[in-house]
Amino acid sequence: GGLVQPGGALRLSCTASTSIFPTYHMGWYRQAPGKQREPVAL
């Protein structure tokens, strides 16, 4: 994560402490100020 200008790009990475296959579905959620956490990608 970080600060980026509009039109820019970022790559987020998540590292799990255990094997994620085949045990887990994975995804990314986000929460903006004053809003509920919402799914971004699964």
All heavy atoms as atom14 arrays in JSON, in Angstrom:
{
  "sequence": "GGLVQPGGALRLSCTASTSIFPTYHMGWYRQAPGKQREPVAL",
  "atom14_mask": [
    [1, 1, 1, 1, 0, 0, 0, 0, 0, 0, 0, 0, 0, 0],
    [1, 1, 1, 1, 0, 0, 0, 0, 0, 0, 0, 0, 0, 0],
    [1, 1, 1, 1, 1, 1, 1, 1, 0, 0, 0, 0, 0, 0],
    [1, 1, 1, 1, 1, 1, 1, 0, 0, 0, 0, 0, 0, 0],
    [1, 1, 1, 1, 1, 1, 1, 1, 1, 0, 0, 0, 0, 0],
    [1, 1, 1, 1, 1, 1, 1, 0, 0, 0, 0, 0, 0, 0],
    [1, 1, 1, 1, 0, 0, 0, 0, 0, 0, 0, 0, 0, 0],
    [1, 1, 1, 1, 0, 0, 0, 0, 0, 0, 0, 0, 0, 0],
    [1, 1, 1, 1, 1, 0, 0, 0, 0, 0, 0, 0, 0, 0],
    [1, 1, 1, 1, 1, 1, 1, 1, 0, 0, 0, 0, 0, 0],
    [1, 1, 1, 1, 1, 1, 1, 1, 1, 1, 1, 0, 0, 0],
    [1, 1, 1, 1, 1, 1, 1, 1, 0, 0, 0, 0, 0, 0],
    [1, 1, 1, 1, 1, 1, 0, 0, 0, 0, 0, 0, 0, 0],
    [1, 1, 1, 1, 1, 1, 0, 0, 0, 0, 0, 0, 0, 0],
    [1, 1, 1, 1, 1, 1, 1, 0, 0, 0, 0, 0, 0, 0],
    [1, 1, 1, 1, 1, 0, 0, 0, 0, 0, 0, 0, 0, 0],
    [1, 1, 1, 1, 1, 1, 0, 0, 0, 0, 0, 0, 0, 0],
    [1, 1, 1, 1, 1, 1, 1, 0, 0, 0, 0, 0, 0, 0],
    [1, 1, 1, 1, 1, 1, 0, 0, 0, 0, 0, 0, 0, 0],
    [1, 1, 1, 1, 1, 1, 1, 1, 0, 0, 0, 0, 0, 0],
    [1, 1, 1, 1, 1, 1, 1, 1, 1, 1, 1, 0, 0, 0],
    [1, 1, 1, 1, 1, 1, 1, 0, 0, 0, 0, 0, 0, 0],
    [1, 1, 1, 1, 1, 1, 1, 0, 0, 0, 0, 0, 0, 0],
    [1, 1, 1, 1, 1, 1, 1, 1, 1, 1, 1, 1, 0, 0],
    [1, 1, 1, 1, 1, 1, 1, 1, 1, 1, 0, 0, 0, 0],
    [1, 1, 1, 1, 1, 1, 1, 1, 0, 0, 0, 0, 0, 0],
    [1, 1, 1, 1, 0, 0, 0, 0, 0, 0, 0, 0, 0, 0],
    [1, 1, 1, 1, 1, 1, 1, 1, 1, 1, 1, 1, 1, 1],
    [1, 1, 1, 1, 1, 1, 1, 1, 1, 1, 1, 1, 0, 0],
    [1, 1, 1, 1, 1, 1, 1, 1, 1, 1, 1, 0, 0, 0],
    [1, 1, 1, 1, 1, 1, 1, 1, 1, 0, 0, 0, 0, 0],
    [1, 1, 1, 1, 1, 0, 0, 0, 0, 0, 0, 0, 0, 0],
    [1, 1, 1, 1, 1, 1, 1, 0, 0, 0, 0, 0, 0, 0],
    [1, 1, 1, 1, 0, 0, 0, 0, 0, 0, 0, 0, 0, 0],
    [1, 1, 1, 1, 1, 1, 1, 1, 1, 0, 0, 0, 0, 0],
    [1, 1, 1, 1, 1, 1, 1, 1, 1, 0, 0, 0, 0, 0],
    [1, 1, 1, 1, 1, 1, 1, 1, 1, 1, 1, 0, 0, 0],
    [1, 1, 1, 1, 1, 1, 1, 1, 1, 0, 0, 0, 0, 0],
    [1, 1, 1, 1, 1, 1, 1, 0, 0, 0, 0, 0, 0, 0],
    [1, 1, 1, 1, 1, 1, 1, 0, 0, 0, 0, 0, 0, 0],
    [1, 1, 1, 1, 1, 0, 0, 0, 0, 0, 0, 0, 0, 0],
    [1, 1, 1, 1, 1, 1, 1, 1, 0, 0, 0, 0, 0, 0]
  ],
  "atom14_positions": [
    [[0.82, -1.2, 0.0], [0.0, 0.0, 0.0], [0.85, 1.25, 0.0], [2.06, 1.21, 0.22], [0.0, 0.0, 0.0], [0.0, 0.0, 0.0], [0.0, 0.0, 0.0], [0.0, 0.0, 0.0], [0.0, 0.0, 0.0], [0.0, 0.0, 0.0], [0.0, 0.0, 0.0], [0.0, 0.0, 0.0], [0.0, 0.0, 0.0], [0.0, 0.0, 0.0]],
    [[0.21, 2.38, -0.26], [0.93, 3.63, -0.27], [0.13, 4.73, -0.92], [-1.08, 4.61, -1.14], [0.0, 0.0, 0.0], [0.0, 0.0, 0.0], [0.0, 0.0, 0.0], [0.0, 0.0, 0.0], [0.0, 0.0, 0.0], [0.0, 0.0, 0.0], [0.0, 0.0, 0.0], [0.0, 0.0, 0.0], [0.0, 0.0, 0.0], [0.0, 0.0, 0.0]],
    [[0.82, 5.81, -1.23], [0.22, 6.98, -1.86], [0.55, 6.97, -3.34], [1.71, 6.81, -3.73], [0.75, 8.25, -1.21], [0.33, 9.58, -1.83], [-1.17, 9.78, -1.7], [1.1, 10.72, -1.18], [0.0, 0.0, 0.0], [0.0, 0.0, 0.0], [0.0, 0.0, 0.0], [0.0, 0.0, 0.0], [0.0, 0.0, 0.0], [0.0, 0.0, 0.0]],
    [[-0.47, 7.15, -4.15], [-0.29, 7.16, -5.6], [-1.22, 8.2, -6.21], [-2.29, 8.5, -5.68], [-0.57, 5.76, -6.2], [-2.03, 5.36, -6.0], [-0.17, 5.7, -7.65], [0.0, 0.0, 0.0], [0.0, 0.0, 0.0], [0.0, 0.0, 0.0], [0.0, 0.0, 0.0], [0.0, 0.0, 0.0], [0.0, 0.0, 0.0], [0.0, 0.0, 0.0]],
    [[-0.78, 8.78, -7.32], [-1.61, 9.76, -8.02], [-2.7, 9.08, -8.83], [-2.57, 7.92, -9.22], [-0.74, 10.62, -8.93], [0.24, 11.51, -8.2], [0.98, 12.45, -9.13], [0.88, 12.34, -10.35], [1.7, 13.39, -8.56], [0.0, 0.0, 0.0], [0.0, 0.0, 0.0], [0.0, 0.0, 0.0], [0.0, 0.0, 0.0], [0.0, 0.0, 0.0]],
    [[-3.8, 9.79, -9.08], [-4.83, 9.22, -9.94], [-4.26, 8.77, -11.27], [-3.42, 9.45, -11.87], [-5.81, 10.38, -10.13], [-5.64, 11.2, -8.89], [-4.17, 11.11, -8.56], [0.0, 0.0, 0.0], [0.0, 0.0, 0.0], [0.0, 0.0, 0.0], [0.0, 0.0, 0.0], [0.0, 0.0, 0.0], [0.0, 0.0, 0.0], [0.0, 0.0, 0.0]],
    [[-4.71, 7.6, -11.71], [-4.2, 7.02, -12.93], [-3.0, 6.12, -12.73], [-2.59, 5.42, -13.66], [0.0, 0.0, 0.0], [0.0, 0.0, 0.0], [0.0, 0.0, 0.0], [0.0, 0.0, 0.0], [0.0, 0.0, 0.0], [0.0, 0.0, 0.0], [0.0, 0.0, 0.0], [0.0, 0.0, 0.0], [0.0, 0.0, 0.0], [0.0, 0.0, 0.0]],
    [[-2.46, 6.13, -11.53], [-1.31, 5.32, -11.23], [-1.67, 3.89, -10.91], [-2.82, 3.47, -11.04], [0.0, 0.0, 0.0], [0.0, 0.0, 0.0], [0.0, 0.0, 0.0], [0.0, 0.0, 0.0], [0.0, 0.0, 0.0], [0.0, 0.0, 0.0], [0.0, 0.0, 0.0], [0.0, 0.0, 0.0], [0.0, 0.0, 0.0], [0.0, 0.0, 0.0]],
    [[-0.68, 3.14, -10.47], [-0.86, 1.72, -10.2], [-0.14, 1.31, -8.93], [0.88, 1.88, -8.56], [-0.36, 0.88, -11.37], [0.0, 0.0, 0.0], [0.0, 0.0, 0.0], [0.0, 0.0, 0.0], [0.0, 0.0, 0.0], [0.0, 0.0, 0.0], [0.0, 0.0, 0.0], [0.0, 0.0, 0.0], [0.0, 0.0, 0.0], [0.0, 0.0, 0.0]],
    [[-0.7, 0.32, -8.27], [-0.09, -0.3, -7.12], [-0.33, -1.8, -7.18], [-1.32, -2.25, -7.76], [-0.67, 0.23, -5.81], [-0.26, 1.62, -5.33], [-1.08, 2.0, -4.09], [1.22, 1.67, -5.01], [0.0, 0.0, 0.0], [0.0, 0.0, 0.0], [0.0, 0.0, 0.0], [0.0, 0.0, 0.0], [0.0, 0.0, 0.0], [0.0, 0.0, 0.0]],
    [[0.56, -2.55, -6.57], [0.39, -3.98, -6.46], [0.44, -4.35, -4.99], [1.47, -4.14, -4.33], [1.45, -4.74, -7.24], [1.2, -6.25, -7.31], [2.24, -6.95, -8.17], [1.96, -8.37, -8.34], [1.23, -8.88, -9.31], [0.7, -8.09, -10.25], [1.03, -10.2, -9.39], [0.0, 0.0, 0.0], [0.0, 0.0, 0.0], [0.0, 0.0, 0.0]],
    [[-0.66, -4.88, -4.49], [-0.73, -5.34, -3.12], [-0.41, -6.83, -3.07], [-0.75, -7.58, -3.98], [-2.12, -5.11, -2.54], [-2.68, -3.69, -2.59], [-4.04, -3.63, -1.91], [-1.71, -2.71, -1.95], [0.0, 0.0, 0.0], [0.0, 0.0, 0.0], [0.0, 0.0, 0.0], [0.0, 0.0, 0.0], [0.0, 0.0, 0.0], [0.0, 0.0, 0.0]],
    [[0.22, -7.22, -1.99], [0.56, -8.62, -1.81], [0.15, -9.07, -0.42], [0.29, -8.33, 0.55], [2.06, -8.85, -2.02], [2.38, -10.22, -1.92], [0.0, 0.0, 0.0], [0.0, 0.0, 0.0], [0.0, 0.0, 0.0], [0.0, 0.0, 0.0], [0.0, 0.0, 0.0], [0.0, 0.0, 0.0], [0.0, 0.0, 0.0], [0.0, 0.0, 0.0]],
    [[-0.35, -10.27, -0.34], [-0.75, -10.88, 0.92], [-0.01, -12.2, 1.07], [-0.05, -13.04, 0.17], [-2.26, -11.11, 0.94], [-2.85, -12.09, 2.35], [0.0, 0.0, 0.0], [0.0, 0.0, 0.0], [0.0, 0.0, 0.0], [0.0, 0.0, 0.0], [0.0, 0.0, 0.0], [0.0, 0.0, 0.0], [0.0, 0.0, 0.0], [0.0, 0.0, 0.0]],
    [[0.66, -12.35, 2.19], [1.38, -13.58, 2.48], [0.7, -14.32, 3.62], [0.48, -13.75, 4.69], [2.84, -13.29, 2.84], [3.48, -12.62, 1.75], [3.58, -14.59, 3.12], [0.0, 0.0, 0.0], [0.0, 0.0, 0.0], [0.0, 0.0, 0.0], [0.0, 0.0, 0.0], [0.0, 0.0, 0.0], [0.0, 0.0, 0.0], [0.0, 0.0, 0.0]],
    [[0.37, -15.56, 3.39], [-0.28, -16.38, 4.39], [0.74, -17.22, 5.15], [1.77, -17.62, 4.6], [-1.32, -17.3, 3.74], [0.0, 0.0, 0.0], [0.0, 0.0, 0.0], [0.0, 0.0, 0.0], [0.0, 0.0, 0.0], [0.0, 0.0, 0.0], [0.0, 0.0, 0.0], [0.0, 0.0, 0.0], [0.0, 0.0, 0.0], [0.0, 0.0, 0.0]],
    [[0.44, -17.48, 6.41], [1.36, -18.22, 7.26], [1.3, -19.72, 7.04], [2.17, -20.45, 7.52], [1.07, -17.91, 8.73], [-0.24, -18.32, 9.08], [0.0, 0.0, 0.0], [0.0, 0.0, 0.0], [0.0, 0.0, 0.0], [0.0, 0.0, 0.0], [0.0, 0.0, 0.0], [0.0, 0.0, 0.0], [0.0, 0.0, 0.0], [0.0, 0.0, 0.0]],
    [[0.27, -20.18, 6.36], [0.11, -21.6, 6.08], [-0.25, -21.78, 4.63], [-0.5, -20.82, 3.9], [-0.99, -22.22, 6.96], [-2.24, -21.58, 6.7], [-0.66, -22.08, 8.44], [0.0, 0.0, 0.0], [0.0, 0.0, 0.0], [0.0, 0.0, 0.0], [0.0, 0.0, 0.0], [0.0, 0.0, 0.0], [0.0, 0.0, 0.0], [0.0, 0.0, 0.0]],
    [[-0.31, -23.01, 4.2], [-0.71, -23.31, 2.83], [-2.13, -22.84, 2.59], [-3.02, -23.04, 3.42], [-0.6, -24.81, 2.57], [0.72, -25.28, 2.71], [0.0, 0.0, 0.0], [0.0, 0.0, 0.0], [0.0, 0.0, 0.0], [0.0, 0.0, 0.0], [0.0, 0.0, 0.0], [0.0, 0.0, 0.0], [0.0, 0.0, 0.0], [0.0, 0.0, 0.0]],
    [[-2.34, -22.21, 1.45], [-3.68, -21.72, 1.13], [-4.43, -22.66, 0.2], [-5.65, -22.54, 0.03], [-3.64, -20.31, 0.52], [-2.82, -20.3, -0.78], [-3.06, -19.32, 1.53], [-2.86, -18.97, -1.52], [0.0, 0.0, 0.0], [0.0, 0.0, 0.0], [0.0, 0.0, 0.0], [0.0, 0.0, 0.0], [0.0, 0.0, 0.0], [0.0, 0.0, 0.0]],
    [[-3.73, -23.58, -0.41], [-4.36, -24.57, -1.27], [-4.25, -25.94, -0.65], [-3.17, -26.33, -0.2], [-3.71, -24.56, -2.66], [-4.35, -25.5, -3.63], [-5.45, -25.11, -4.37], [-3.86, -26.79, -3.79], [-6.05, -25.99, -5.27], [-4.45, -27.68, -4.68], [-5.56, -27.27, -5.42], [0.0, 0.0, 0.0], [0.0, 0.0, 0.0], [0.0, 0.0, 0.0]],
    [[-5.35, -26.69, -0.63], [-6.69, -26.39, -1.16], [-7.65, -25.84, -0.13], [-8.85, -25.78, -0.39], [-7.14, -27.77, -1.63], [-6.6, -28.69, -0.58], [-5.26, -28.11, -0.18], [0.0, 0.0, 0.0], [0.0, 0.0, 0.0], [0.0, 0.0, 0.0], [0.0, 0.0, 0.0], [0.0, 0.0, 0.0], [0.0, 0.0, 0.0], [0.0, 0.0, 0.0]],
    [[-7.15, -25.39, 1.02], [-8.0, -25.12, 2.17], [-8.8, -23.83, 2.06], [-9.9, -23.74, 2.61], [-7.16, -25.08, 3.45], [-6.38, -26.28, 3.54], [-8.03, -24.96, 4.69], [0.0, 0.0, 0.0], [0.0, 0.0, 0.0], [0.0, 0.0, 0.0], [0.0, 0.0, 0.0], [0.0, 0.0, 0.0], [0.0, 0.0, 0.0], [0.0, 0.0, 0.0]],
    [[-8.27, -22.82, 1.36], [-8.85, -21.49, 1.44], [-9.21, -20.89, 0.09], [-8.45, -20.98, -0.88], [-7.88, -20.52, 2.13], [-7.57, -20.88, 3.55], [-6.42, -21.57, 3.88], [-8.45, -20.51, 4.57], [-6.13, -21.9, 5.2], [-8.17, -20.84, 5.89], [-7.01, -21.53, 6.2], [-6.73, -21.85, 7.51], [0.0, 0.0, 0.0], [0.0, 0.0, 0.0]],
    [[-10.37, -20.24, 0.06], [-10.65, -19.21, -0.93], [-9.98, -17.93, -0.42], [-9.9, -17.71, 0.79], [-12.14, -18.97, -1.12], [-12.89, -20.14, -1.68], [-12.39, -20.95, -2.65], [-14.14, -20.6, -1.4], [-13.29, -21.89, -2.95], [-14.35, -21.69, -2.21], [0.0, 0.0, 0.0], [0.0, 0.0, 0.0], [0.0, 0.0, 0.0], [0.0, 0.0, 0.0]],
    [[-9.54, -17.09, -1.32], [-8.82, -15.88, -0.95], [-9.46, -14.66, -1.59], [-10.21, -14.76, -2.56], [-7.35, -15.97, -1.37], [-6.62, -17.19, -0.86], [-6.51, -17.24, 0.96], [-5.47, -15.81, 1.26], [0.0, 0.0, 0.0], [0.0, 0.0, 0.0], [0.0, 0.0, 0.0], [0.0, 0.0, 0.0], [0.0, 0.0, 0.0], [0.0, 0.0, 0.0]],
    [[-9.13, -13.5, -1.05], [-9.66, -12.29, -1.64], [-9.12, -11.03, -1.02], [-8.28, -11.05, -0.12], [0.0, 0.0, 0.0], [0.0, 0.0, 0.0], [0.0, 0.0, 0.0], [0.0, 0.0, 0.0], [0.0, 0.0, 0.0], [0.0, 0.0, 0.0], [0.0, 0.0, 0.0], [0.0, 0.0, 0.0], [0.0, 0.0, 0.0], [0.0, 0.0, 0.0]],
    [[-9.61, -9.94, -1.56], [-9.29, -8.61, -1.05], [-10.58, -7.84, -0.81], [-11.48, -7.85, -1.66], [-8.41, -7.83, -2.04], [-7.01, -8.34, -2.14], [-6.53, -9.27, -3.0], [-5.9, -7.93, -1.33], [-5.2, -9.48, -2.79], [-4.78, -8.67, -1.77], [-5.74, -7.02, -0.29], [-3.52, -8.52, -1.21], [-4.49, -6.87, 0.28], [-3.4, -7.61, -0.18]],
    [[-10.66, -7.23, 0.34], [-11.74, -6.31, 0.68], [-11.13, -4.94, 0.91], [-9.91, -4.8, 1.07], [-12.47, -6.77, 1.95], [-13.44, -7.91, 1.77], [-13.01, -9.17, 1.38], [-14.81, -7.73, 2.01], [-13.91, -10.22, 1.24], [-15.7, -8.77, 1.87], [-15.25, -10.01, 1.49], [-16.14, -11.05, 1.36], [0.0, 0.0, 0.0], [0.0, 0.0, 0.0]],
    [[-12.0, -3.94, 0.97], [-11.53, -2.61, 1.3], [-12.58, -1.88, 2.1], [-13.77, -2.18, 2.03], [-11.16, -1.8, 0.05], [-12.34, -1.42, -0.83], [-11.84, -0.74, -2.1], [-12.94, -0.33, -2.97], [-12.78, 0.13, -4.2], [-11.56, 0.26, -4.71], [-13.85, 0.49, -4.91], [0.0, 0.0, 0.0], [0.0, 0.0, 0.0], [0.0, 0.0, 0.0]],
    [[-12.12, -0.92, 2.88], [-13.02, -0.1, 3.68], [-12.58, 1.35, 3.61], [-11.49, 1.69, 4.06], [-13.05, -0.58, 5.13], [-14.09, 0.13, 5.98], [-14.32, -0.55, 7.31], [-13.49, -1.32, 7.78], [-15.46, -0.3, 7.92], [0.0, 0.0, 0.0], [0.0, 0.0, 0.0], [0.0, 0.0, 0.0], [0.0, 0.0, 0.0], [0.0, 0.0, 0.0]],
    [[-13.44, 2.17, 3.03], [-13.19, 3.59, 2.94], [-13.77, 4.27, 4.18], [-14.66, 3.73, 4.84], [-13.82, 4.16, 1.68], [0.0, 0.0, 0.0], [0.0, 0.0, 0.0], [0.0, 0.0, 0.0], [0.0, 0.0, 0.0], [0.0, 0.0, 0.0], [0.0, 0.0, 0.0], [0.0, 0.0, 0.0], [0.0, 0.0, 0.0], [0.0, 0.0, 0.0]],
    [[-13.28, 5.47, 4.51], [-13.8, 6.18, 5.67], [-15.31, 6.35, 5.62], [-15.87, 6.79, 4.6], [-13.09, 7.53, 5.61], [-11.82, 7.24, 4.88], [-12.19, 6.21, 3.85], [0.0, 0.0, 0.0], [0.0, 0.0, 0.0], [0.0, 0.0, 0.0], [0.0, 0.0, 0.0], [0.0, 0.0, 0.0], [0.0, 0.0, 0.0], [0.0, 0.0, 0.0]],
    [[-15.98, 5.99, 6.7], [-17.41, 6.14, 6.78], [-18.23, 5.12, 6.03], [-19.45, 5.25, 5.96], [0.0, 0.0, 0.0], [0.0, 0.0, 0.0], [0.0, 0.0, 0.0], [0.0, 0.0, 0.0], [0.0, 0.0, 0.0], [0.0, 0.0, 0.0], [0.0, 0.0, 0.0], [0.0, 0.0, 0.0], [0.0, 0.0, 0.0], [0.0, 0.0, 0.0]],
    [[-17.58, 4.12, 5.47], [-18.28, 3.11, 4.7], [-18.01, 1.71, 5.24], [-17.05, 1.5, 5.97], [-17.88, 3.18, 3.22], [-18.24, 4.5, 2.54], [-17.9, 4.47, 1.07], [-18.3, 5.76, 0.39], [-17.99, 5.74, -1.06], [0.0, 0.0, 0.0], [0.0, 0.0, 0.0], [0.0, 0.0, 0.0], [0.0, 0.0, 0.0], [0.0, 0.0, 0.0]],
    [[-18.87, 0.78, 4.87], [-18.68, -0.6, 5.27], [-17.58, -1.26, 4.45], [-17.29, -0.84, 3.33], [-19.97, -1.39, 5.1], [-21.1, -0.99, 6.02], [-22.23, -2.0, 5.99], [-22.09, -3.13, 6.48], [-23.34, -1.6, 5.41], [0.0, 0.0, 0.0], [0.0, 0.0, 0.0], [0.0, 0.0, 0.0], [0.0, 0.0, 0.0], [0.0, 0.0, 0.0]],
    [[-17.0, -2.27, 5.04], [-16.02, -3.05, 4.31], [-16.73, -3.78, 3.17], [-17.79, -4.37, 3.35], [-15.35, -4.05, 5.25], [-14.17, -4.77, 4.64], [-13.46, -5.65, 5.68], [-12.96, -4.88, 6.81], [-12.24, -5.4, 7.79], [-11.93, -6.69, 7.79], [-11.83, -4.61, 8.79], [0.0, 0.0, 0.0], [0.0, 0.0, 0.0], [0.0, 0.0, 0.0]],
    [[-16.13, -3.74, 1.99], [-16.75, -4.32, 0.82], [-15.76, -5.21, 0.07], [-14.55, -4.96, 0.06], [-17.26, -3.23, -0.13], [-16.15, -2.34, -0.69], [-16.66, -1.3, -1.66], [-17.88, -1.22, -1.88], [-15.83, -0.55, -2.21], [0.0, 0.0, 0.0], [0.0, 0.0, 0.0], [0.0, 0.0, 0.0], [0.0, 0.0, 0.0], [0.0, 0.0, 0.0]],
    [[-16.27, -6.25, -0.56], [-15.38, -7.11, -1.35], [-14.92, -6.39, -2.6], [-15.7, -5.7, -3.27], [-16.26, -8.31, -1.68], [-17.66, -7.78, -1.63], [-17.66, -6.74, -0.55], [0.0, 0.0, 0.0], [0.0, 0.0, 0.0], [0.0, 0.0, 0.0], [0.0, 0.0, 0.0], [0.0, 0.0, 0.0], [0.0, 0.0, 0.0], [0.0, 0.0, 0.0]],
    [[-13.66, -6.56, -2.91], [-13.06, -5.99, -4.11], [-12.85, -7.07, -5.16], [-13.23, -6.91, -6.32], [-11.74, -5.29, -3.79], [-11.08, -4.77, -5.07], [-11.96, -4.15, -2.8], [0.0, 0.0, 0.0], [0.0, 0.0, 0.0], [0.0, 0.0, 0.0], [0.0, 0.0, 0.0], [0.0, 0.0, 0.0], [0.0, 0.0, 0.0], [0.0, 0.0, 0.0]],
    [[-12.22, -8.15, -4.75], [-11.93, -9.24, -5.66], [-11.77, -10.52, -4.87], [-11.17, -10.51, -3.8], [-10.67, -8.96, -6.48], [0.0, 0.0, 0.0], [0.0, 0.0, 0.0], [0.0, 0.0, 0.0], [0.0, 0.0, 0.0], [0.0, 0.0, 0.0], [0.0, 0.0, 0.0], [0.0, 0.0, 0.0], [0.0, 0.0, 0.0], [0.0, 0.0, 0.0]],
    [[-12.29, -11.6, -5.41], [-12.19, -12.9, -4.78], [-11.61, -13.9, -5.77], [-11.84, -13.79, -6.97], [-13.56, -13.38, -4.3], [-14.29, -12.5, -3.3], [-15.71, -13.01, -3.06], [-13.53, -12.44, -1.98], [0.0, 0.0, 0.0], [0.0, 0.0, 0.0], [0.0, 0.0, 0.0], [0.0, 0.0, 0.0], [0.0, 0.0, 0.0], [0.0, 0.0, 0.0]]
  ]
}
